[in-house]
Amino acid sequence: MLFVDHARKQMRRRDVDALQVQRCLLRGEITEGPYVPIASRTGTWRCNIEANVSGDQLRVVVEIPEDATSILVITVIRVG
């Protein structure tokens, strides 16, 4: 699991740590996708995953590279 700079900034801003993101990815369900964003420069697939983690509903947007060795966390959102 790798984080883009935007995801790290949003995690700090929303007080979410990497363990919470990991739990969301492990326990969550896909709520949107897979899709390729209209403005995508790479044409890489993404999906949104949501789960209740530590009493907070989180949404993690991930990108799945073609090599599929690791997922790329694009952003993290507290839902609700």
Protein backbone atom coordinates (compact mmCIF):
# COMPACT_ATOMS: atom_id res chain seq x y z
CA MET A 1 0.00 0.00 0.00
CA LEU A 2 1.49 3.29 -1.15
CA PHE A 3 0.15 6.80 -0.44
CA VAL A 4 0.21 9.76 -2.83
CA ASP A 5 0.99 13.16 -1.28
CA HIS A 6 -2.66 14.22 -1.49
CA ALA A 7 -3.75 11.18 0.53
CA ARG A 8 -1.16 11.89 3.24
CA LYS A 9 -2.29 15.52 3.48
CA GLN A 10 -5.95 14.51 3.76
CA MET A 11 -5.10 11.88 6.38
CA ARG A 12 -3.34 14.51 8.52
CA ARG A 13 -6.17 16.99 7.99
CA ARG A 14 -8.82 14.39 8.91
CA ASP A 15 -6.81 12.74 11.71
CA VAL A 16 -6.72 9.31 10.07
CA ASP A 17 -3.67 7.05 10.36
CA ALA A 18 -2.30 4.35 8.06
CA LEU A 19 -3.64 1.54 10.27
CA GLN A 20 -7.19 2.90 9.93
CA VAL A 21 -6.75 3.05 6.15
CA GLN A 22 -5.49 -0.54 6.14
CA ARG A 23 -8.46 -1.69 8.22
CA CYS A 24 -10.85 0.07 5.85
CA LEU A 25 -9.28 -1.71 2.90
CA LEU A 26 -9.35 -5.10 4.63
CA ARG A 27 -12.87 -4.90 6.09
CA GLY A 28 -14.63 -2.54 3.72
CA GLU A 29 -16.78 -3.01 0.71
CA ILE A 30 -16.49 -1.43 -2.71
CA THR A 31 -19.06 1.35 -2.96
CA GLU A 32 -18.05 2.65 -6.39
CA GLY A 33 -16.08 1.15 -9.20
CA PRO A 34 -13.99 -0.11 -10.59
CA TYR A 35 -13.87 2.92 -12.87
CA VAL A 36 -11.39 4.98 -14.83
CA PRO A 37 -11.78 8.69 -13.94
CA ILE A 38 -12.72 10.92 -16.87
CA ALA A 39 -9.74 13.22 -16.22
CA SER A 40 -7.32 10.32 -15.75
CA ARG A 41 -3.88 10.84 -17.24
CA THR A 42 -2.90 7.20 -16.84
CA GLY A 43 -6.13 5.32 -17.59
CA THR A 44 -5.64 3.31 -14.42
CA TRP A 45 -8.61 1.70 -12.64
CA ARG A 46 -9.85 3.09 -9.31
CA CYS A 47 -12.42 2.08 -6.75
CA ASN A 48 -13.92 3.52 -3.57
CA ILE A 49 -13.95 1.35 -0.47
CA GLU A 50 -15.93 2.18 2.68
CA ALA A 51 -15.92 0.74 6.18
CA ASN A 52 -16.64 1.68 9.76
CA VAL A 53 -13.25 1.91 11.46
CA SER A 54 -12.88 2.86 15.13
CA GLY A 55 -16.39 4.31 15.11
CA ASP A 56 -15.79 6.45 12.01
CA GLN A 57 -17.11 5.76 8.53
CA LEU A 58 -14.14 6.05 6.15
CA ARG A 59 -13.97 6.08 2.36
CA VAL A 60 -10.63 5.25 0.76
CA VAL A 61 -10.10 5.84 -2.94
CA VAL A 62 -7.47 3.51 -4.38
CA GLU A 63 -5.86 3.07 -7.76
CA ILE A 64 -4.90 -0.38 -8.97
CA PRO A 65 -1.78 -0.28 -11.17
CA GLU A 66 -1.42 -2.77 -14.02
CA ASP A 67 1.48 -4.53 -12.30
CA ALA A 68 -0.81 -5.03 -9.25
CA THR A 69 2.12 -5.37 -6.84
CA SER A 70 0.61 -2.74 -4.56
CA ILE A 71 -2.39 -0.44 -4.45
CA LEU A 72 -2.04 3.33 -4.48
CA VAL A 73 -4.12 5.29 -1.95
CA ILE A 74 -5.39 8.43 -3.69
CA THR A 75 -7.42 10.03 -0.89
CA VAL A 76 -9.12 9.31 2.43
CA ILE A 77 -12.48 10.80 3.41
CA ARG A 78 -14.53 10.70 6.61
CA VAL A 79 -18.11 10.05 5.53
CA GLY A 80 -21.00 11.63 7.41
